[in-house]
Amino acid sequence: MSLQLEKTLVILKPDAMQRNLLGEIITRFEKKGLKIVGLKMIELEDILLDDHYAHHKDKPFFAGLKNYMKSSPVVVIALEGIEVVEAVRLLVGPTKSRIADAGSIRGDYSMSGQTNIIHSSDSSENAAAEIKRFFKAEELFNYKKIDFEFLYGDEEREELV
């Protein structure tokens, strides 16, 4: 079995911004050992939200979701690591925050299913599409981090493709 470095997308939603949680959340990803390869604050517009939430377009909560996501700037982050999609989903916790485990981002900071602090990609395929949706190629960075050898064991580094 060979391992690959993956990328994933995280959106720190308006409630994270309004509740001053950006630094604490970003710190969790850094302490986990995930590499930030893209980071920016943006205001979301209808076209981008329609594309990103196309799977919710026919649901009754869609208009409210769009209004919520436009209520404040958001921070989008591209993260990189081995099996990063799965690692981030575990750190984030389930969508319905009330049932999220203590210690997860949603478990510690949220009670809602909609205003749930953070979005994270749910698969490698969706992560690639979402990163492309929110970042231009020149906004993503490829650089060496000095802690890489201390984050992954010899076998894991040798298995990287």
C-alpha atoms as a PDB file:
ATOM      1  CA  MET A   1       0.000   0.000   0.000  1.00  0.00           C
ATOM      2  CA  SER A   2       1.304   3.448  -0.866  1.00  0.00           C
ATOM      3  CA  LEU A   3       0.355   6.654   0.884  1.00  0.00           C
ATOM      4  CA  GLN A   4      -0.229  10.035  -0.696  1.00  0.00           C
ATOM      5  CA  LEU A   5      -0.174  13.525   0.622  1.00  0.00           C
ATOM      6  CA  GLU A   6      -3.711  14.840   0.212  1.00  0.00           C
ATOM      7  CA  LYS A   7      -5.208  18.285   0.366  1.00  0.00           C
ATOM      8  CA  THR A   8      -8.548  19.244   1.877  1.00  0.00           C
ATOM      9  CA  LEU A   9     -10.622  22.380   2.252  1.00  0.00           C
ATOM     10  CA  VAL A  10     -11.918  23.930   5.441  1.00  0.00           C
ATOM     11  CA  ILE A  11     -14.235  26.929   5.691  1.00  0.00           C
ATOM     12  CA  LEU A  12     -14.400  28.778   8.991  1.00  0.00           C
ATOM     13  CA  LYS A  13     -18.015  29.908   8.827  1.00  0.00           C
ATOM     14  CA  PRO A  14     -19.564  33.246   9.909  1.00  0.00           C
ATOM     15  CA  ASP A  15     -20.226  32.015  13.452  1.00  0.00           C
ATOM     16  CA  ALA A  16     -16.534  31.157  13.906  1.00  0.00           C
ATOM     17  CA  MET A  17     -15.662  34.640  12.679  1.00  0.00           C
ATOM     18  CA  GLN A  18     -18.239  36.401  14.868  1.00  0.00           C
ATOM     19  CA  ARG A  19     -17.336  34.395  17.971  1.00  0.00           C
ATOM     20  CA  ASN A  20     -13.588  35.082  17.635  1.00  0.00           C
ATOM     21  CA  LEU A  21     -12.662  31.414  17.224  1.00  0.00           C
ATOM     22  CA  LEU A  22     -10.428  31.622  14.138  1.00  0.00           C
ATOM     23  CA  GLY A  23      -7.111  31.454  15.977  1.00  0.00           C
ATOM     24  CA  GLU A  24      -8.164  28.592  18.238  1.00  0.00           C
ATOM     25  CA  ILE A  25      -9.425  26.521  15.296  1.00  0.00           C
ATOM     26  CA  ILE A  26      -6.377  27.160  13.108  1.00  0.00           C
ATOM     27  CA  THR A  27      -4.150  26.297  16.073  1.00  0.00           C
ATOM     28  CA  ARG A  28      -5.827  22.875  16.336  1.00  0.00           C
ATOM     29  CA  PHE A  29      -4.892  22.061  12.738  1.00  0.00           C
ATOM     30  CA  GLU A  30      -1.343  23.275  13.265  1.00  0.00           C
ATOM     31  CA  LYS A  31      -0.931  21.320  16.516  1.00  0.00           C
ATOM     32  CA  LYS A  32      -2.198  18.185  14.743  1.00  0.00           C
ATOM     33  CA  GLY A  33       0.681  18.644  12.294  1.00  0.00           C
ATOM     34  CA  LEU A  34      -1.329  19.607   9.224  1.00  0.00           C
ATOM     35  CA  LYS A  35       0.341  21.885   6.715  1.00  0.00           C
ATOM     36  CA  ILE A  36      -1.465  25.065   5.685  1.00  0.00           C
ATOM     37  CA  VAL A  37      -0.986  25.462   1.926  1.00  0.00           C
ATOM     38  CA  GLY A  38      -3.627  28.152   1.368  1.00  0.00           C
ATOM     39  CA  LEU A  39      -5.393  30.655   3.628  1.00  0.00           C
ATOM     40  CA  LYS A  40      -7.589  33.686   2.927  1.00  0.00           C
ATOM     41  CA  MET A  41     -10.606  35.664   4.085  1.00  0.00           C
ATOM     42  CA  ILE A  42     -13.392  36.149   1.547  1.00  0.00           C
ATOM     43  CA  GLU A  43     -16.995  37.264   1.253  1.00  0.00           C
ATOM     44  CA  LEU A  44     -19.155  34.579  -0.333  1.00  0.00           C
ATOM     45  CA  GLU A  45     -21.480  35.436  -3.216  1.00  0.00           C
ATOM     46  CA  ASP A  46     -24.569  33.710  -4.582  1.00  0.00           C
ATOM     47  CA  ILE A  47     -22.851  32.099  -7.591  1.00  0.00           C
ATOM     48  CA  LEU A  48     -20.147  30.505  -5.459  1.00  0.00           C
ATOM     49  CA  LEU A  49     -22.658  29.371  -2.815  1.00  0.00           C
ATOM     50  CA  ASP A  50     -25.003  27.929  -5.467  1.00  0.00           C
ATOM     51  CA  ASP A  51     -22.100  25.873  -6.807  1.00  0.00           C
ATOM     52  CA  HIS A  52     -20.742  24.818  -3.412  1.00  0.00           C
ATOM     53  CA  TYR A  53     -24.129  23.864  -1.965  1.00  0.00           C
ATOM     54  CA  ALA A  54     -25.709  22.554  -5.203  1.00  0.00           C
ATOM     55  CA  HIS A  55     -26.604  19.302  -3.390  1.00  0.00           C
ATOM     56  CA  HIS A  56     -28.835  21.333  -1.036  1.00  0.00           C
ATOM     57  CA  LYS A  57     -30.431  23.572  -3.680  1.00  0.00           C
ATOM     58  CA  ASP A  58     -33.898  21.951  -3.497  1.00  0.00           C
ATOM     59  CA  LYS A  59     -34.013  21.701   0.300  1.00  0.00           C
ATOM     60  CA  PRO A  60     -36.165  24.065   2.369  1.00  0.00           C
ATOM     61  CA  PHE A  61     -33.199  25.390   4.349  1.00  0.00           C
ATOM     62  CA  PHE A  62     -31.158  26.421   1.292  1.00  0.00           C
ATOM     63  CA  ALA A  63     -32.118  30.133   1.297  1.00  0.00           C
ATOM     64  CA  GLY A  64     -31.372  30.415   5.018  1.00  0.00           C
ATOM     65  CA  LEU A  65     -28.042  28.622   4.556  1.00  0.00           C
ATOM     66  CA  LYS A  66     -27.021  31.067   1.827  1.00  0.00           C
ATOM     67  CA  ASN A  67     -28.031  34.084   3.919  1.00  0.00           C
ATOM     68  CA  TYR A  68     -26.088  32.732   6.886  1.00  0.00           C
ATOM     69  CA  MET A  69     -22.971  32.097   4.787  1.00  0.00           C
ATOM     70  CA  LYS A  70     -23.163  35.658   3.390  1.00  0.00           C
ATOM     71  CA  SER A  71     -23.709  37.271   6.804  1.00  0.00           C
ATOM     72  CA  SER A  72     -19.992  37.708   7.487  1.00  0.00           C
ATOM     73  CA  PRO A  73     -16.674  37.068   5.761  1.00  0.00           C
ATOM     74  CA  VAL A  74     -15.370  33.514   6.051  1.00  0.00           C
ATOM     75  CA  VAL A  75     -11.859  32.088   6.141  1.00  0.00           C
ATOM     76  CA  VAL A  76     -11.006  29.339   3.670  1.00  0.00           C
ATOM     77  CA  ILE A  77      -8.039  27.091   4.347  1.00  0.00           C
ATOM     78  CA  ALA A  78      -6.364  24.433   2.219  1.00  0.00           C
ATOM     79  CA  LEU A  79      -4.595  21.856   4.383  1.00  0.00           C
ATOM     80  CA  GLU A  80      -2.175  19.088   3.398  1.00  0.00           C
ATOM     81  CA  GLY A  81      -1.147  15.841   5.064  1.00  0.00           C
ATOM     82  CA  ILE A  82      -1.313  12.064   4.830  1.00  0.00           C
ATOM     83  CA  GLU A  83      -4.994  11.018   4.851  1.00  0.00           C
ATOM     84  CA  VAL A  84      -5.803  14.661   5.655  1.00  0.00           C
ATOM     85  CA  VAL A  85      -9.483  14.460   4.657  1.00  0.00           C
ATOM     86  CA  GLU A  86     -10.153  11.783   7.256  1.00  0.00           C
ATOM     87  CA  ALA A  87      -7.954  13.465   9.880  1.00  0.00           C
ATOM     88  CA  VAL A  88      -9.736  16.800   9.489  1.00  0.00           C
ATOM     89  CA  ARG A  89     -13.205  15.211   9.553  1.00  0.00           C
ATOM     90  CA  LEU A  90     -12.280  13.591  12.865  1.00  0.00           C
ATOM     91  CA  LEU A  91     -11.027  16.902  14.292  1.00  0.00           C
ATOM     92  CA  VAL A  92     -14.158  18.725  13.084  1.00  0.00           C
ATOM     93  CA  GLY A  93     -16.804  16.242  14.298  1.00  0.00           C
ATOM     94  CA  PRO A  94     -20.239  15.463  12.837  1.00  0.00           C
ATOM     95  CA  THR A  95     -22.443  18.116  11.194  1.00  0.00           C
ATOM     96  CA  LYS A  96     -25.000  18.009  14.006  1.00  0.00           C
ATOM     97  CA  SER A  97     -22.826  19.674  16.605  1.00  0.00           C
ATOM     98  CA  ARG A  98     -24.942  18.700  19.631  1.00  0.00           C
ATOM     99  CA  ILE A  99     -23.850  15.093  19.182  1.00  0.00           C
ATOM    100  CA  ALA A 100     -20.202  15.861  18.377  1.00  0.00           C
ATOM    101  CA  ASP A 101     -17.666  14.435  20.807  1.00  0.00           C
ATOM    102  CA  ALA A 102     -16.055  16.774  23.300  1.00  0.00           C
ATOM    103  CA  GLY A 103     -12.607  17.572  21.992  1.00  0.00           C
ATOM    104  CA  SER A 104     -13.779  17.978  18.397  1.00  0.00           C
ATOM    105  CA  ILE A 105     -14.137  21.510  17.040  1.00  0.00           C
ATOM    106  CA  ARG A 106     -17.917  21.271  16.750  1.00  0.00           C
ATOM    107  CA  GLY A 107     -18.197  19.388  20.033  1.00  0.00           C
ATOM    108  CA  ASP A 108     -16.362  22.155  21.851  1.00  0.00           C
ATOM    109  CA  TYR A 109     -17.778  25.240  20.131  1.00  0.00           C
ATOM    110  CA  SER A 110     -21.184  24.553  18.595  1.00  0.00           C
ATOM    111  CA  MET A 111     -24.698  23.310  19.336  1.00  0.00           C
ATOM    112  CA  SER A 112     -26.252  23.613  15.867  1.00  0.00           C
ATOM    113  CA  GLY A 113     -26.511  21.651  12.658  1.00  0.00           C
ATOM    114  CA  GLN A 114     -26.397  24.760  10.468  1.00  0.00           C
ATOM    115  CA  THR A 115     -24.403  27.297  12.441  1.00  0.00           C
ATOM    116  CA  ASN A 116     -21.792  24.670  13.146  1.00  0.00           C
ATOM    117  CA  ILE A 117     -18.585  26.704  12.982  1.00  0.00           C
ATOM    118  CA  ILE A 118     -16.808  24.901  10.139  1.00  0.00           C
ATOM    119  CA  HIS A 119     -17.066  23.069   6.832  1.00  0.00           C
ATOM    120  CA  SER A 120     -14.645  20.343   5.814  1.00  0.00           C
ATOM    121  CA  SER A 121     -14.439  18.326   2.613  1.00  0.00           C
ATOM    122  CA  ASP A 122     -15.962  14.858   2.917  1.00  0.00           C
ATOM    123  CA  SER A 123     -13.808  13.036   0.324  1.00  0.00           C
ATOM    124  CA  SER A 124     -10.575  13.469  -1.619  1.00  0.00           C
ATOM    125  CA  GLU A 125     -12.579  14.023  -4.810  1.00  0.00           C
ATOM    126  CA  ASN A 126     -14.744  16.730  -3.238  1.00  0.00           C
ATOM    127  CA  ALA A 127     -11.690  18.290  -1.608  1.00  0.00           C
ATOM    128  CA  ALA A 128      -9.996  18.709  -4.999  1.00  0.00           C
ATOM    129  CA  ALA A 129     -13.128  20.307  -6.484  1.00  0.00           C
ATOM    130  CA  GLU A 130     -13.674  22.559  -3.471  1.00  0.00           C
ATOM    131  CA  ILE A 131     -10.063  23.745  -3.357  1.00  0.00           C
ATOM    132  CA  LYS A 132     -10.288  24.607  -7.056  1.00  0.00           C
ATOM    133  CA  ARG A 133     -13.573  26.452  -6.372  1.00  0.00           C
ATOM    134  CA  PHE A 134     -12.125  28.633  -3.603  1.00  0.00           C
ATOM    135  CA  PHE A 135      -8.443  29.028  -4.545  1.00  0.00           C
ATOM    136  CA  LYS A 136      -6.592  30.046  -7.680  1.00  0.00           C
ATOM    137  CA  ALA A 137      -3.523  27.901  -8.420  1.00  0.00           C
ATOM    138  CA  GLU A 138      -1.184  30.754  -7.461  1.00  0.00           C
ATOM    139  CA  GLU A 139      -2.855  31.015  -4.032  1.00  0.00           C
ATOM    140  CA  LEU A 140      -1.686  27.512  -3.065  1.00  0.00           C
ATOM    141  CA  PHE A 141       1.850  27.016  -1.831  1.00  0.00           C
ATOM    142  CA  ASN A 142       4.211  24.050  -2.044  1.00  0.00           C
ATOM    143  CA  TYR A 143       6.934  24.348   0.545  1.00  0.00           C
ATOM    144  CA  LYS A 144       8.943  22.147   2.869  1.00  0.00           C
ATOM    145  CA  LYS A 145       8.114  22.152   6.577  1.00  0.00           C
ATOM    146  CA  ILE A 146      10.909  21.328   8.966  1.00  0.00           C
ATOM    147  CA  ASP A 147       8.654  19.199  11.192  1.00  0.00           C
ATOM    148  CA  PHE A 148       7.673  16.691   8.459  1.00  0.00           C
ATOM    149  CA  GLU A 149      10.132  14.024   9.613  1.00  0.00           C
ATOM    150  CA  PHE A 150       8.824  14.297  13.165  1.00  0.00           C
ATOM    151  CA  LEU A 151       5.139  14.048  12.169  1.00  0.00           C
ATOM    152  CA  TYR A 152       5.318  10.841  10.146  1.00  0.00           C
ATOM    153  CA  GLY A 153       7.262   7.661  10.855  1.00  0.00           C
ATOM    154  CA  ASP A 154       9.957   6.263   8.565  1.00  0.00           C
ATOM    155  CA  GLU A 155       7.586   3.693   7.019  1.00  0.00           C
ATOM    156  CA  GLU A 156       4.945   6.302   6.258  1.00  0.00           C
ATOM    157  CA  ARG A 157       7.451   8.638   4.611  1.00  0.00           C
ATOM    158  CA  GLU A 158       8.885   5.726   2.582  1.00  0.00           C
ATOM    159  CA  GLU A 159       5.382   4.753   1.374  1.00  0.00           C
ATOM    160  CA  LEU A 160       4.632   8.218   0.003  1.00  0.00           C
ATOM    161  CA  VAL A 161       4.125   8.241  -3.750  1.00  0.00           C
END
